[in-house]
């Protein structure tokens, strides 16, 4: 009977550990989704505002150089925006590469649980 009770307690403990880890995973996914949506909203607002400002600056520069250097002004602004777009794209790539792995805390906790269960089985010998 003691063995059956021990196996039952171990099974209940393992189920409770899995439940806790799944709850942690759900919280992490929800936090990541909220963070991502916040980034998207801020990025869209920023893009709209910067787009309007840049459009007005471009129109101002082209209007200033319309009589003498309009093609040069348009070409220089196109090059400037191309370089700026490349720099922003590189920064976005760096940010995406630097973000933490999804569910990293959950995976770490599951690894701890697996190690604990493995070591608990060897500790009785």
PDB file of N, CA and C in Angstrom:
ATOM      1  N   UNK A   1       0.807  -1.204   0.000  1.00  0.00           N
ATOM      2  CA  UNK A   1       0.000   0.000   0.000  1.00  0.00           C
ATOM      3  C   UNK A   1       0.847   1.263   0.000  1.00  0.00           C
ATOM      4  N   UNK A   2       1.970   1.225   0.697  1.00  0.00           N
ATOM      5  CA  UNK A   2       2.819   2.411   0.779  1.00  0.00           C
ATOM      6  C   UNK A   2       3.357   2.779  -0.588  1.00  0.00           C
ATOM      7  N   UNK A   3       3.666   1.780  -1.405  1.00  0.00           N
ATOM      8  CA  UNK A   3       4.191   2.053  -2.745  1.00  0.00           C
ATOM      9  C   UNK A   3       3.117   2.703  -3.601  1.00  0.00           C
ATOM     10  N   UNK A   4       1.891   2.207  -3.513  1.00  0.00           N
ATOM     11  CA  UNK A   4       0.792   2.766  -4.296  1.00  0.00           C
ATOM     12  C   UNK A   4       0.533   4.205  -3.885  1.00  0.00           C
ATOM     13  N   UNK A   5       0.558   4.466  -2.570  1.00  0.00           N
ATOM     14  CA  UNK A   5       0.351   5.829  -2.089  1.00  0.00           C
ATOM     15  C   UNK A   5       1.487   6.739  -2.544  1.00  0.00           C
ATOM     16  N   UNK A   6       2.713   6.252  -2.496  1.00  0.00           N
ATOM     17  CA  UNK A   6       3.864   7.051  -2.933  1.00  0.00           C
ATOM     18  C   UNK A   6       3.761   7.371  -4.420  1.00  0.00           C
ATOM     19  N   UNK A   7       3.409   6.375  -5.216  1.00  0.00           N
ATOM     20  CA  UNK A   7       3.243   6.598  -6.656  1.00  0.00           C
ATOM     21  C   UNK A   7       2.117   7.595  -6.900  1.00  0.00           C
ATOM     22  N   UNK A   8       1.063   7.489  -6.150  1.00  0.00           N
ATOM     23  CA  UNK A   8      -0.054   8.433  -6.283  1.00  0.00           C
ATOM     24  C   UNK A   8       0.349   9.851  -5.932  1.00  0.00           C
ATOM     25  N   UNK A   9       1.115   9.988  -4.845  1.00  0.00           N
ATOM     26  CA  UNK A   9       1.584  11.327  -4.460  1.00  0.00           C
ATOM     27  C   UNK A   9       2.536  11.896  -5.502  1.00  0.00           C
ATOM     28  N   UNK A  10       3.412  11.057  -6.012  1.00  0.00           N
ATOM     29  CA  UNK A  10       4.343  11.511  -7.050  1.00  0.00           C
ATOM     30  C   UNK A  10       3.573  11.926  -8.297  1.00  0.00           C
ATOM     31  N   UNK A  11       2.587  11.132  -8.675  1.00  0.00           N
ATOM     32  CA  UNK A  11       1.761  11.478  -9.838  1.00  0.00           C
ATOM     33  C   UNK A  11       1.029  12.786  -9.624  1.00  0.00           C
ATOM     34  N   UNK A  12       0.456  12.970  -8.433  1.00  0.00           N
ATOM     35  CA  UNK A  12      -0.252  14.220  -8.140  1.00  0.00           C
ATOM     36  C   UNK A  12       0.708  15.401  -8.161  1.00  0.00           C
ATOM     37  N   UNK A  13       1.908  15.205  -7.621  1.00  0.00           N
ATOM     38  CA  UNK A  13       2.905  16.269  -7.625  1.00  0.00           C
ATOM     39  C   UNK A  13       3.307  16.618  -9.050  1.00  0.00           C
ATOM     40  N   UNK A  14       3.531  15.604  -9.874  1.00  0.00           N
ATOM     41  CA  UNK A  14       3.907  15.856 -11.267  1.00  0.00           C
ATOM     42  C   UNK A  14       2.801  16.589 -12.021  1.00  0.00           C
ATOM     43  N   UNK A  15       1.561  16.191 -11.783  1.00  0.00           N
ATOM     44  CA  UNK A  15       0.438  16.873 -12.437  1.00  0.00           C
ATOM     45  C   UNK A  15       0.353  18.322 -11.978  1.00  0.00           C
ATOM     46  N   UNK A  16       0.546  18.560 -10.683  1.00  0.00           N
ATOM     47  CA  UNK A  16       0.527  19.934 -10.167  1.00  0.00           C
ATOM     48  C   UNK A  16       1.665  20.754 -10.767  1.00  0.00           C
ATOM     49  N   UNK A  17       2.841  20.128 -10.930  1.00  0.00           N
ATOM     50  CA  UNK A  17       3.970  20.845 -11.527  1.00  0.00           C
ATOM     51  C   UNK A  17       3.676  21.206 -12.979  1.00  0.00           C
ATOM     52  N   UNK A  18       3.095  20.278 -13.723  1.00  0.00           N
ATOM     53  CA  UNK A  18       2.750  20.549 -15.119  1.00  0.00           C
ATOM     54  C   UNK A  18       1.701  21.650 -15.206  1.00  0.00           C
ATOM     55  N   UNK A  19       0.718  21.607 -14.309  1.00  0.00           N
ATOM     56  CA  UNK A  19      -0.315  22.643 -14.307  1.00  0.00           C
ATOM     57  C   UNK A  19       0.293  24.013 -14.034  1.00  0.00           C
ATOM     58  N   UNK A  20       1.192  24.078 -13.069  1.00  0.00           N
ATOM     59  CA  UNK A  20       1.847  25.348 -12.742  1.00  0.00           C
ATOM     60  C   UNK A  20       2.651  25.860 -13.926  1.00  0.00           C
ATOM     61  N   UNK A  21       3.358  24.961 -14.595  1.00  0.00           N
ATOM     62  CA  UNK A  21       4.174  25.366 -15.744  1.00  0.00           C
ATOM     63  C   UNK A  21       3.308  25.824 -16.904  1.00  0.00           C
ATOM     64  N   UNK A  22       2.179  25.176 -17.109  1.00  0.00           N
ATOM     65  CA  UNK A  22       1.270  25.607 -18.172  1.00  0.00           C
ATOM     66  C   UNK A  22       0.676  26.978 -17.870  1.00  0.00           C
ATOM     67  N   UNK A  23       0.353  27.215 -16.604  1.00  0.00           N
ATOM     68  CA  UNK A  23      -0.148  28.537 -16.216  1.00  0.00           C
ATOM     69  C   UNK A  23       0.920  29.599 -16.444  1.00  0.00           C
ATOM     70  N   UNK A  24       2.178  29.279 -16.109  1.00  0.00           N
ATOM     71  CA  UNK A  24       3.285  30.200 -16.358  1.00  0.00           C
ATOM     72  C   UNK A  24       3.436  30.467 -17.854  1.00  0.00           C
ATOM     73  N   UNK A  25       3.309  29.421 -18.657  1.00  0.00           N
ATOM     74  CA  UNK A  25       3.412  29.590 -20.111  1.00  0.00           C
ATOM     75  C   UNK A  25       2.300  30.497 -20.627  1.00  0.00           C
ATOM     76  N   UNK A  26       1.093  30.318 -20.118  1.00  0.00           N
ATOM     77  CA  UNK A  26      -0.033  31.155 -20.545  1.00  0.00           C
ATOM     78  C   UNK A  26       0.208  32.615 -20.182  1.00  0.00           C
ATOM     79  N   UNK A  27       0.739  32.859 -18.996  1.00  0.00           N
ATOM     80  CA  UNK A  27       1.032  34.232 -18.575  1.00  0.00           C
ATOM     81  C   UNK A  27       2.105  34.839 -19.474  1.00  0.00           C
ATOM     82  N   UNK A  28       3.147  34.059 -19.775  1.00  0.00           N
ATOM     83  CA  UNK A  28       4.216  34.567 -20.634  1.00  0.00           C
ATOM     84  C   UNK A  28       3.707  34.896 -22.037  1.00  0.00           C
ATOM     85  N   UNK A  29       2.861  34.030 -22.585  1.00  0.00           N
ATOM     86  CA  UNK A  29       2.317  34.290 -23.918  1.00  0.00           C
ATOM     87  C   UNK A  29       1.460  35.551 -23.902  1.00  0.00           C
ATOM     88  N   UNK A  30       0.658  35.711 -22.867  1.00  0.00           N
ATOM     89  CA  UNK A  30      -0.187  36.894 -22.766  1.00  0.00           C
ATOM     90  C   UNK A  30       0.659  38.160 -22.633  1.00  0.00           C
ATOM     91  N   UNK A  31       1.700  38.127 -21.814  1.00  0.00           N
ATOM     92  CA  UNK A  31       2.576  39.290 -21.662  1.00  0.00           C
ATOM     93  C   UNK A  31       3.274  39.621 -22.973  1.00  0.00           C
ATOM     94  N   UNK A  32       3.736  38.610 -23.681  1.00  0.00           N
ATOM     95  CA  UNK A  32       4.422  38.841 -24.950  1.00  0.00           C
ATOM     96  C   UNK A  32       3.466  39.429 -25.976  1.00  0.00           C
ATOM     97  N   UNK A  33       2.232  38.963 -26.002  1.00  0.00           N
ATOM     98  CA  UNK A  33       1.240  39.493 -26.933  1.00  0.00           C
ATOM     99  C   UNK A  33       0.942  40.960 -26.625  1.00  0.00           C
ATOM    100  N   UNK A  34       0.758  41.291 -25.345  1.00  0.00           N
ATOM    101  CA  UNK A  34       0.496  42.672 -24.964  1.00  0.00           C
ATOM    102  C   UNK A  34       1.672  43.570 -25.317  1.00  0.00           C
ATOM    103  N   UNK A  35       2.891  43.099 -25.060  1.00  0.00           N
ATOM    104  CA  UNK A  35       4.086  43.866 -25.390  1.00  0.00           C
ATOM    105  C   UNK A  35       4.165  44.088 -26.901  1.00  0.00           C
ATOM    106  N   UNK A  36       3.898  43.048 -27.670  1.00  0.00           N
ATOM    107  CA  UNK A  36       3.973  43.149 -29.126  1.00  0.00           C
ATOM    108  C   UNK A  36       2.921  44.128 -29.650  1.00  0.00           C
ATOM    109  N   UNK A  37       1.700  44.046 -29.149  1.00  0.00           N
ATOM    110  CA  UNK A  37       0.654  44.960 -29.600  1.00  0.00           C
ATOM    111  C   UNK A  37       0.993  46.405 -29.247  1.00  0.00           C
ATOM    112  N   UNK A  38       1.585  46.602 -28.079  1.00  0.00           N
ATOM    113  CA  UNK A  38       2.028  47.951 -27.703  1.00  0.00           C
ATOM    114  C   UNK A  38       3.082  48.478 -28.658  1.00  0.00           C
ATOM    115  N   UNK A  39       4.031  47.614 -29.026  1.00  0.00           N
ATOM    116  CA  UNK A  39       5.050  48.012 -29.997  1.00  0.00           C
ATOM    117  C   UNK A  39       4.427  48.377 -31.340  1.00  0.00           C
ATOM    118  N   UNK A  40       3.471  47.578 -31.779  1.00  0.00           N
ATOM    119  CA  UNK A  40       2.850  47.815 -33.078  1.00  0.00           C
ATOM    120  C   UNK A  40       2.097  49.145 -33.086  1.00  0.00           C
ATOM    121  N   UNK A  41       1.338  49.404 -32.045  1.00  0.00           N
ATOM    122  CA  UNK A  41       0.574  50.655 -31.983  1.00  0.00           C
ATOM    123  C   UNK A  41       1.513  51.861 -31.957  1.00  0.00           C
ATOM    124  N   UNK A  42       2.536  51.810 -31.102  1.00  0.00           N
ATOM    125  CA  UNK A  42       3.480  52.928 -31.036  1.00  0.00           C
ATOM    126  C   UNK A  42       4.237  53.102 -32.346  1.00  0.00           C
ATOM    127  N   UNK A  43       4.597  52.017 -32.968  1.00  0.00           N
ATOM    128  CA  UNK A  43       5.317  52.101 -34.237  1.00  0.00           C
ATOM    129  C   UNK A  43       4.434  52.717 -35.319  1.00  0.00           C
ATOM    130  N   UNK A  44       3.167  52.349 -35.364  1.00  0.00           N
ATOM    131  CA  UNK A  44       2.270  52.908 -36.368  1.00  0.00           C
ATOM    132  C   UNK A  44       2.043  54.407 -36.159  1.00  0.00           C
ATOM    133  N   UNK A  45       1.827  54.799 -34.926  1.00  0.00           N
ATOM    134  CA  UNK A  45       1.651  56.224 -34.634  1.00  0.00           C
ATOM    135  C   UNK A  45       2.912  56.998 -35.006  1.00  0.00           C
ATOM    136  N   UNK A  46       4.053  56.450 -34.629  1.00  0.00           N
ATOM    137  CA  UNK A  46       5.326  57.084 -34.950  1.00  0.00           C
ATOM    138  C   UNK A  46       5.521  57.195 -36.461  1.00  0.00           C
ATOM    139  N   UNK A  47       5.229  56.133 -37.179  1.00  0.00           N
ATOM    140  CA  UNK A  47       5.378  56.157 -38.637  1.00  0.00           C
ATOM    141  C   UNK A  47       4.479  57.192 -39.291  1.00  0.00           C
ATOM    142  N   UNK A  48       3.269  57.298 -38.834  1.00  0.00           N
ATOM    143  CA  UNK A  48       2.341  58.280 -39.403  1.00  0.00           C
ATOM    144  C   UNK A  48       2.856  59.695 -39.165  1.00  0.00           C
ATOM    145  N   UNK A  49       3.257  59.975 -37.928  1.00  0.00           N
ATOM    146  CA  UNK A  49       3.730  61.320 -37.611  1.00  0.00           C
ATOM    147  C   UNK A  49       5.018  61.669 -38.349  1.00  0.00           C
ATOM    148  N   UNK A  50       5.961  60.744 -38.363  1.00  0.00           N
ATOM    149  CA  UNK A  50       7.202  60.989 -39.093  1.00  0.00           C
ATOM    150  C   UNK A  50       6.955  61.083 -40.596  1.00  0.00           C
ATOM    151  N   UNK A  51       6.035  60.307 -41.101  1.00  0.00           N
ATOM    152  CA  UNK A  51       5.709  60.371 -42.526  1.00  0.00           C
ATOM    153  C   UNK A  51       5.166  61.723 -42.923  1.00  0.00           C
ATOM    154  N   UNK A  52       4.278  62.254 -42.118  1.00  0.00           N
ATOM    155  CA  UNK A  52       3.729  63.578 -42.406  1.00  0.00           C
ATOM    156  C   UNK A  52       4.828  64.641 -42.327  1.00  0.00           C
ATOM    157  N   UNK A  53       5.655  64.568 -41.294  1.00  0.00           N
ATOM    158  CA  UNK A  53       6.733  65.541 -41.137  1.00  0.00           C
ATOM    159  C   UNK A  53       7.722  65.456 -42.299  1.00  0.00           C
ATOM    160  N   UNK A  54       8.101  64.257 -42.684  1.00  0.00           N
ATOM    161  CA  UNK A  54       9.047  64.103 -43.791  1.00  0.00           C
ATOM    162  C   UNK A  54       8.455  64.575 -45.112  1.00  0.00           C
ATOM    163  N   UNK A  55       7.212  64.294 -45.334  1.00  0.00           N
ATOM    164  CA  UNK A  55       6.565  64.763 -46.554  1.00  0.00           C
ATOM    165  C   UNK A  55       6.595  66.285 -46.637  1.00  0.00           C
ATOM    166  N   UNK A  56       6.303  66.935 -45.525  1.00  0.00           N
ATOM    167  CA  UNK A  56       6.329  68.394 -45.510  1.00  0.00           C
ATOM    168  C   UNK A  56       7.752  68.941 -45.703  1.00  0.00           C
ATOM    169  N   UNK A  57       8.742  68.306 -45.116  1.00  0.00           N
ATOM    170  CA  UNK A  57      10.133  68.738 -45.293  1.00  0.00           C
ATOM    171  C   UNK A  57      10.558  68.556 -46.747  1.00  0.00           C
ATOM    172  N   UNK A  58      10.207  67.436 -47.340  1.00  0.00           N
ATOM    173  CA  UNK A  58      10.549  67.187 -48.742  1.00  0.00           C
ATOM    174  C   UNK A  58       9.897  68.232 -49.640  1.00  0.00           C
ATOM    175  N   UNK A  59       8.646  68.514 -49.416  1.00  0.00           N
ATOM    176  CA  UNK A  59       7.970  69.534 -50.218  1.00  0.00           C
ATOM    177  C   UNK A  59       8.629  70.896 -50.045  1.00  0.00           C
ATOM    178  N   UNK A  60       9.054  71.225 -48.822  1.00  0.00           N
ATOM    179  CA  UNK A  60       9.727  72.488 -48.569  1.00  0.00           C
ATOM    180  C   UNK A  60      11.053  72.565 -49.313  1.00  0.00           C
ATOM    181  N   UNK A  61      11.847  71.518 -49.237  1.00  0.00           N
ATOM    182  CA  UNK A  61      13.160  71.519 -49.901  1.00  0.00           C
ATOM    183  C   UNK A  61      12.997  71.591 -51.419  1.00  0.00           C
ATOM    184  N   UNK A  62      12.090  70.816 -51.962  1.00  0.00           N
ATOM    185  CA  UNK A  62      11.870  70.847 -53.410  1.00  0.00           C
ATOM    186  C   UNK A  62      11.374  72.221 -53.842  1.00  0.00           C
ATOM    187  N   UNK A  63      10.491  72.815 -53.056  1.00  0.00           N
ATOM    188  CA  UNK A  63       9.995  74.153 -53.397  1.00  0.00           C
ATOM    189  C   UNK A  63      11.116  75.190 -53.346  1.00  0.00           C
ATOM    190  N   UNK A  64      12.033  75.064 -52.367  1.00  0.00           N
ATOM    191  CA  UNK A  64      13.153  76.006 -52.264  1.00  0.00           C
ATOM    192  C   UNK A  64      14.093  75.913 -53.462  1.00  0.00           C
ATOM    193  N   UNK A  65      14.312  74.705 -53.975  1.00  0.00           N
ATOM    194  CA  UNK A  65      15.248  74.505 -55.070  1.00  0.00           C
ATOM    195  C   UNK A  65      14.565  74.311 -56.428  1.00  0.00           C
ATOM    196  N   UNK A  66      13.303  74.650 -56.534  1.00  0.00           N
ATOM    197  CA  UNK A  66      12.547  74.375 -57.746  1.00  0.00           C
ATOM    198  C   UNK A  66      13.141  75.046 -58.980  1.00  0.00           C
ATOM    199  N   UNK A  67      13.557  76.280 -58.863  1.00  0.00           N
ATOM    200  CA  UNK A  67      14.043  77.028 -60.024  1.00  0.00           C
ATOM    201  C   UNK A  67      15.450  76.635 -60.455  1.00  0.00           C
ATOM    202  N   UNK A  68      16.288  76.180 -59.515  1.00  0.00           N
ATOM    203  CA  UNK A  68      17.688  75.956 -59.880  1.00  0.00           C
ATOM    204  C   UNK A  68      18.136  74.489 -59.808  1.00  0.00           C
ATOM    205  N   UNK A  69      17.864  73.790 -58.729  1.00  0.00           N
ATOM    206  CA  UNK A  69      18.417  72.443 -58.519  1.00  0.00           C
ATOM    207  C   UNK A  69      17.357  71.428 -58.094  1.00  0.00           C
ATOM    208  N   UNK A  70      16.222  71.453 -58.747  1.00  0.00           N
ATOM    209  CA  UNK A  70      15.135  70.581 -58.295  1.00  0.00           C
ATOM    210  C   UNK A  70      15.471  69.097 -58.416  1.00  0.00           C
ATOM    211  N   UNK A  71      16.113  68.675 -59.503  1.00  0.00           N
ATOM    212  CA  UNK A  71      16.450  67.251 -59.655  1.00  0.00           C
ATOM    213  C   UNK A  71      17.505  66.823 -58.643  1.00  0.00           C
ATOM    214  N   UNK A  72      18.488  67.674 -58.396  1.00  0.00           N
ATOM    215  CA  UNK A  72      19.509  67.362 -57.403  1.00  0.00           C
ATOM    216  C   UNK A  72      18.899  67.273 -56.002  1.00  0.00           C
ATOM    217  N   UNK A  73      17.990  68.180 -55.696  1.00  0.00           N
ATOM    218  CA  UNK A  73      17.340  68.175 -54.383  1.00  0.00           C
ATOM    219  C   UNK A  73      16.512  66.902 -54.197  1.00  0.00           C
ATOM    220  N   UNK A  74      15.777  66.525 -55.232  1.00  0.00           N
ATOM    221  CA  UNK A  74      14.962  65.311 -55.140  1.00  0.00           C
ATOM    222  C   UNK A  74      15.867  64.086 -55.004  1.00  0.00           C
ATOM    223  N   UNK A  75      16.951  64.023 -55.777  1.00  0.00           N
ATOM    224  CA  UNK A  75      17.880  62.903 -55.695  1.00  0.00           C
ATOM    225  C   UNK A  75      18.556  62.811 -54.338  1.00  0.00           C
ATOM    226  N   UNK A  76      18.984  63.953 -53.797  1.00  0.00           N
ATOM    227  CA  UNK A  76      19.640  63.966 -52.487  1.00  0.00           C
ATOM    228  C   UNK A  76      18.677  63.509 -51.393  1.00  0.00           C
ATOM    229  N   UNK A  77      17.433  63.967 -51.457  1.00  0.00           N
ATOM    230  CA  UNK A  77      16.447  63.553 -50.459  1.00  0.00           C
ATOM    231  C   UNK A  77      16.120  62.064 -50.588  1.00  0.00           C
ATOM    232  N   UNK A  78      16.056  61.567 -51.808  1.00  0.00           N
ATOM    233  CA  UNK A  78      15.798  60.134 -51.998  1.00  0.00           C
ATOM    234  C   UNK A  78      16.944  59.311 -51.412  1.00  0.00           C
ATOM    235  N   UNK A  79      18.186  59.754 -51.640  1.00  0.00           N
ATOM    236  CA  UNK A  79      19.341  59.046 -51.075  1.00  0.00           C
ATOM    237  C   UNK A  79      19.312  59.097 -49.548  1.00  0.00           C
ATOM    238  N   UNK A  80      18.999  60.262 -49.006  1.00  0.00           N
ATOM    239  CA  UNK A  80      18.924  60.417 -47.551  1.00  0.00           C
ATOM    240  C   UNK A  80      17.894  59.474 -46.952  1.00  0.00           C
ATOM    241  N   UNK A  81      16.704  59.406 -47.578  1.00  0.00           N
ATOM    242  CA  UNK A  81      15.662  58.526 -47.062  1.00  0.00           C
ATOM    243  C   UNK A  81      16.028  57.058 -47.237  1.00  0.00           C
ATOM    244  N   UNK A  82      16.720  56.728 -48.302  1.00  0.00           N
ATOM    245  CA  UNK A  82      17.171  55.358 -48.499  1.00  0.00           C
ATOM    246  C   UNK A  82      18.144  54.919 -47.418  1.00  0.00           C
ATOM    247  N   UNK A  83      19.110  55.782 -47.100  1.00  0.00           N
ATOM    248  CA  UNK A  83      20.079  55.469 -46.041  1.00  0.00           C
ATOM    249  C   UNK A  83      19.371  55.370 -44.689  1.00  0.00           C
ATOM    250  N   UNK A  84      18.491  56.313 -44.410  1.00  0.00           N
ATOM    251  CA  UNK A  84      17.765  56.296 -43.139  1.00  0.00           C
ATOM    252  C   UNK A  84      16.909  55.030 -43.025  1.00  0.00           C
ATOM    253  N   UNK A  85      16.253  54.637 -44.101  1.00  0.00           N
ATOM    254  CA  UNK A  85      15.451  53.419 -44.081  1.00  0.00           C
ATOM    255  C   UNK A  85      16.299  52.183 -43.823  1.00  0.00           C
ATOM    256  N   UNK A  86      17.486  52.141 -44.416  1.00  0.00           N
ATOM    257  CA  UNK A  86      18.390  51.022 -44.165  1.00  0.00           C
ATOM    258  C   UNK A  86      18.840  50.962 -42.719  1.00  0.00           C
ATOM    259  N   UNK A  87      19.159  52.114 -42.143  1.00  0.00           N
ATOM    260  CA  UNK A  87      19.579  52.155 -40.739  1.00  0.00           C
ATOM    261  C   UNK A  87      18.456  51.701 -39.809  1.00  0.00           C
ATOM    262  N   UNK A  88      17.250  52.142 -40.088  1.00  0.00           N
ATOM    263  CA  UNK A  88      16.106  51.737 -39.261  1.00  0.00           C
ATOM    264  C   UNK A  88      15.873  50.233 -39.388  1.00  0.00           C
ATOM    265  N   UNK A  89      15.973  49.701 -40.601  1.00  0.00           N
ATOM    266  CA  UNK A  89      15.776  48.265 -40.798  1.00  0.00           C
ATOM    267  C   UNK A  89      16.824  47.460 -40.033  1.00  0.00           C
ATOM    268  N   UNK A  90      18.078  47.931 -40.025  1.00  0.00           N
ATOM    269  CA  UNK A  90      19.127  47.236 -39.279  1.00  0.00           C
ATOM    270  C   UNK A  90      18.843  47.287 -37.778  1.00  0.00           C
ATOM    271  N   UNK A  91      18.353  48.418 -37.277  1.00  0.00           N
ATOM    272  CA  UNK A  91      18.028  48.541 -35.855  1.00  0.00           C
ATOM    273  C   UNK A  91      16.879  47.617 -35.477  1.00  0.00           C
ATOM    274  N   UNK A  92      15.880  47.515 -36.335  1.00  0.00           N
ATOM    275  CA  UNK A  92      14.753  46.609 -36.067  1.00  0.00           C
ATOM    276  C   UNK A  92      15.249  45.166 -36.016  1.00  0.00           C
ATOM    277  N   UNK A  93      16.126  44.794 -36.942  1.00  0.00           N
ATOM    278  CA  UNK A  93      16.670  43.435 -36.945  1.00  0.00           C
ATOM    279  C   UNK A  93      17.449  43.155 -35.671  1.00  0.00           C
ATOM    280  N   UNK A  94      18.260  44.126 -35.223  1.00  0.00           N
ATOM    281  CA  UNK A  94      19.008  43.952 -33.973  1.00  0.00           C
ATOM    282  C   UNK A  94      18.063  43.792 -32.789  1.00  0.00           C
ATOM    283  N   UNK A  95      17.000  44.578 -32.754  1.00  0.00           N
ATOM    284  CA  UNK A  95      16.037  44.501 -31.656  1.00  0.00           C
ATOM    285  C   UNK A  95      15.324  43.156 -31.634  1.00  0.00           C
ATOM    286  N   UNK A  96      14.942  42.671 -32.797  1.00  0.00           N
ATOM    287  CA  UNK A  96      14.252  41.381 -32.878  1.00  0.00           C
ATOM    288  C   UNK A  96      15.203  40.260 -32.466  1.00  0.00           C
ATOM    289  N   UNK A  97      16.462  40.333 -32.903  1.00  0.00           N
ATOM    290  CA  UNK A  97      17.432  39.302 -32.540  1.00  0.00           C
ATOM    291  C   UNK A  97      17.760  39.318 -31.050  1.00  0.00           C
ATOM    292  N   UNK A  98      17.662  40.478 -30.394  1.00  0.00           N
ATOM    293  CA  UNK A  98      18.041  40.605 -28.987  1.00  0.00           C
ATOM    294  C   UNK A  98      16.906  40.271 -28.015  1.00  0.00           C
ATOM    295  N   UNK A  99      15.699  40.145 -28.518  1.00  0.00           N
ATOM    296  CA  UNK A  99      14.582  39.891 -27.598  1.00  0.00           C
ATOM    297  C   UNK A  99      14.706  38.501 -26.993  1.00  0.00           C
ATOM    298  N   UNK A 100      14.165  38.327 -25.794  1.00  0.00           N
ATOM    299  CA  UNK A 100      14.247  37.003 -25.161  1.00  0.00           C
ATOM    300  C   UNK A 100      13.395  35.982 -25.911  1.00  0.00           C
ATOM    301  N   UNK A 101      13.811  34.733 -25.823  1.00  0.00           N
ATOM    302  CA  UNK A 101      13.077  33.647 -26.459  1.00  0.00           C
ATOM    303  C   UNK A 101      11.699  33.503 -25.829  1.00  0.00           C
ATOM    304  N   UNK A 102      10.704  33.238 -26.642  1.00  0.00           N
ATOM    305  CA  UNK A 102       9.348  33.041 -26.152  1.00  0.00           C
ATOM    306  C   UNK A 102       9.304  31.825 -25.233  1.00  0.00           C
ATOM    307  N   UNK A 103       8.678  31.981 -24.083  1.00  0.00           N
ATOM    308  CA  UNK A 103       8.504  30.923 -23.085  1.00  0.00           C
ATOM    309  C   UNK A 103       9.822  30.466 -22.472  1.00  0.00           C
ATOM    310  N   UNK A 104      10.826  31.326 -22.448  1.00  0.00           N
ATOM    311  CA  UNK A 104      12.126  30.928 -21.903  1.00  0.00           C
ATOM    312  C   UNK A 104      12.034  30.608 -20.409  1.00  0.00           C
ATOM    313  N   UNK A 105      11.249  31.359 -19.655  1.00  0.00           N
ATOM    314  CA  UNK A 105      11.103  31.082 -18.225  1.00  0.00           C
ATOM    315  C   UNK A 105      10.393  29.744 -18.003  1.00  0.00           C
ATOM    316  N   UNK A 106       9.408  29.449 -18.813  1.00  0.00           N
ATOM    317  CA  UNK A 106       8.699  28.183 -18.688  1.00  0.00           C
ATOM    318  C   UNK A 106       9.615  27.010 -19.006  1.00  0.00           C
ATOM    319  N   UNK A 107      10.398  27.139 -20.070  1.00  0.00           N
ATOM    320  CA  UNK A 107      11.337  26.065 -20.437  1.00  0.00           C
ATOM    321  C   UNK A 107      12.364  25.872 -19.329  1.00  0.00           C
ATOM    322  N   UNK A 108      12.851  26.965 -18.751  1.00  0.00           N
ATOM    323  CA  UNK A 108      13.826  26.854 -17.658  1.00  0.00           C
ATOM    324  C   UNK A 108      13.219  26.136 -16.460  1.00  0.00           C
ATOM    325  N   UNK A 109      11.993  26.454 -16.119  1.00  0.00           N
ATOM    326  CA  UNK A 109      11.334  25.796 -14.991  1.00  0.00           C
ATOM    327  C   UNK A 109      11.081  24.321 -15.279  1.00  0.00           C
ATOM    328  N   UNK A 110      10.690  24.003 -16.506  1.00  0.00           N
ATOM    329  CA  UNK A 110      10.491  22.593 -16.863  1.00  0.00           C
ATOM    330  C   UNK A 110      11.808  21.831 -16.792  1.00  0.00           C
ATOM    331  N   UNK A 111      12.910  22.458 -17.207  1.00  0.00           N
ATOM    332  CA  UNK A 111      14.220  21.806 -17.096  1.00  0.00           C
ATOM    333  C   UNK A 111      14.582  21.554 -15.632  1.00  0.00           C
ATOM    334  N   UNK A 112      14.277  22.520 -14.774  1.00  0.00           N
ATOM    335  CA  UNK A 112      14.519  22.323 -13.338  1.00  0.00           C
ATOM    336  C   UNK A 112      13.690  21.148 -12.809  1.00  0.00           C
ATOM    337  N   UNK A 113      12.434  21.073 -13.252  1.00  0.00           N
ATOM    338  CA  UNK A 113      11.559  19.984 -12.809  1.00  0.00           C
ATOM    339  C   UNK A 113      12.094  18.634 -13.266  1.00  0.00           C
ATOM    340  N   UNK A 114      12.527  18.561 -14.517  1.00  0.00           N
ATOM    341  CA  UNK A 114      13.064  17.307 -15.040  1.00  0.00           C
ATOM    342  C   UNK A 114      14.306  16.903 -14.256  1.00  0.00           C
ATOM    343  N   UNK A 115      15.200  17.847 -13.999  1.00  0.00           N
ATOM    344  CA  UNK A 115      16.409  17.545 -13.226  1.00  0.00           C
ATOM    345  C   UNK A 115      16.068  17.107 -11.811  1.00  0.00           C
ATOM    346  N   UNK A 116      15.070  17.746 -11.210  1.00  0.00           N
ATOM    347  CA  UNK A 116      14.662  17.379  -9.859  1.00  0.00           C
ATOM    348  C   UNK A 116      14.131  15.949  -9.825  1.00  0.00           C
ATOM    349  N   UNK A 117      13.282  15.617 -10.786  1.00  0.00           N
ATOM    350  CA  UNK A 117      12.698  14.274 -10.827  1.00  0.00           C
ATOM    351  C   UNK A 117      13.789  13.238 -11.069  1.00  0.00           C
ATOM    352  N   UNK A 118      14.730  13.532 -11.957  1.00  0.00           N
ATOM    353  CA  UNK A 118      15.820  12.591 -12.235  1.00  0.00           C
ATOM    354  C   UNK A 118      16.698  12.399 -11.000  1.00  0.00           C
ATOM    355  N   UNK A 119      17.034  13.502 -10.322  1.00  0.00           N
ATOM    356  CA  UNK A 119      17.873  13.406  -9.133  1.00  0.00           C
ATOM    357  C   UNK A 119      17.160  12.784  -7.948  1.00  0.00           C
ATOM    358  N   UNK A 120      15.850  12.984  -7.861  1.00  0.00           N
ATOM    359  CA  UNK A 120      15.076  12.383  -6.769  1.00  0.00           C
ATOM    360  C   UNK A 120      15.067  10.875  -6.898  1.00  0.00           C
ATOM    361  N   UNK A 121      15.031  10.368  -8.115  1.00  0.00           N
ATOM    362  CA  UNK A 121      15.029   8.934  -8.328  1.00  0.00           C
ATOM    363  C   UNK A 121      16.369   8.309  -7.986  1.00  0.00           C
ATOM    364  N   UNK A 122      17.460   9.044  -8.151  1.00  0.00           N
ATOM    365  CA  UNK A 122      18.796   8.522  -7.858  1.00  0.00           C
ATOM    366  C   UNK A 122      19.188   8.740  -6.405  1.00  0.00           C
ATOM    367  N   UNK A 123      18.518   9.625  -5.715  1.00  0.00           N
ATOM    368  CA  UNK A 123      18.892   9.946  -4.343  1.00  0.00           C
ATOM    369  C   UNK A 123      18.536   8.843  -3.348  1.00  0.00           C
ATOM    370  N   UNK A 124      17.586   7.969  -3.684  1.00  0.00           N
ATOM    371  CA  UNK A 124      17.160   6.914  -2.757  1.00  0.00           C
ATOM    372  C   UNK A 124      18.118   5.744  -2.738  1.00  0.00           C
ATOM    373  N   UNK A 125      18.997   5.649  -3.733  1.00  0.00           N
ATOM    374  CA  UNK A 125      19.877   4.473  -3.809  1.00  0.00           C
ATOM    375  C   UNK A 125      21.027   4.573  -2.870  1.00  0.00           C
TER     376      UNK A 125
END
